[in-house]
Amino acid sequence: MAVPKRKTSRSRTRTRRATWKAKLPQVNKQIVNGQVTYSVSHQTDDNGRYNDRQVLDV
């Protein structure tokens, strides 16, 4: 089993952990009947439809 030769410093540990960041969800801009609407990708609409298919019973 591999064993580290030296203790990792605080700055090294924190630098490594700093790269793990949560991403904001992608927001799509759509123009429907002249009005701008925003939606999150891969979400069902209010009727439970996704990609023109009924996927949820609402």
Protein backbone atom coordinates (compact mmCIF):
# COMPACT_ATOMS: atom_id res chain seq x y z
CA MET A 1 0.00 0.00 0.00
CA ALA A 2 1.32 3.45 -0.87
CA VAL A 3 2.23 5.64 2.07
CA PRO A 4 3.07 9.34 1.68
CA LYS A 5 6.63 10.28 2.62
CA ARG A 6 5.67 13.72 3.89
CA LYS A 7 2.69 15.42 5.45
CA THR A 8 0.77 17.48 2.90
CA SER A 9 0.73 21.14 3.82
CA ARG A 10 -2.43 23.13 4.49
CA SER A 11 -2.01 25.25 1.39
CA ARG A 12 -1.56 22.17 -0.80
CA THR A 13 -4.67 20.54 0.63
CA ARG A 14 -6.75 23.68 0.34
CA THR A 15 -5.55 24.34 -3.21
CA ARG A 16 -6.62 20.86 -4.23
CA ARG A 17 -10.01 21.23 -2.57
CA ALA A 18 -10.56 24.67 -4.10
CA THR A 19 -10.91 23.17 -7.57
CA TRP A 20 -14.08 21.27 -6.58
CA LYS A 21 -16.84 23.76 -7.25
CA ALA A 22 -20.54 23.39 -7.82
CA LYS A 23 -21.72 24.51 -11.24
CA LEU A 24 -24.76 26.66 -11.82
CA PRO A 25 -27.50 25.01 -13.86
CA GLN A 26 -27.63 25.97 -17.52
CA VAL A 27 -30.52 28.31 -18.23
CA ASN A 28 -32.03 28.35 -21.71
CA LYS A 29 -33.59 31.50 -23.13
CA GLN A 30 -36.69 30.97 -25.28
CA ILE A 31 -38.95 33.44 -27.03
CA VAL A 32 -42.59 32.30 -26.95
CA ASN A 33 -45.24 34.58 -28.50
CA GLY A 34 -42.89 37.54 -28.27
CA GLN A 35 -42.16 37.02 -24.56
CA VAL A 36 -38.83 35.87 -23.22
CA THR A 37 -38.98 32.82 -20.95
CA TYR A 38 -36.14 31.04 -19.19
CA SER A 39 -36.03 27.33 -18.44
CA VAL A 40 -33.55 24.88 -16.94
CA SER A 41 -32.35 22.09 -19.24
CA HIS A 42 -33.77 18.57 -18.92
CA GLN A 43 -36.78 19.50 -16.80
CA THR A 44 -40.42 18.60 -17.27
CA ASP A 45 -42.99 21.31 -17.83
CA ASP A 46 -46.02 21.96 -15.60
CA ASN A 47 -48.03 19.22 -17.34
CA GLY A 48 -45.37 16.53 -16.77
CA ARG A 49 -44.22 16.49 -20.40
CA TYR A 50 -40.59 16.19 -21.49
CA ASN A 51 -39.41 16.25 -25.10
CA ASP A 52 -43.02 16.11 -26.33
CA ARG A 53 -43.72 12.94 -24.30
CA GLN A 54 -45.80 12.46 -21.17
CA VAL A 55 -43.36 11.23 -18.49
CA LEU A 56 -45.15 12.18 -15.24
CA ASP A 57 -48.72 11.81 -14.09
CA VAL A 58 -49.73 15.23 -12.80
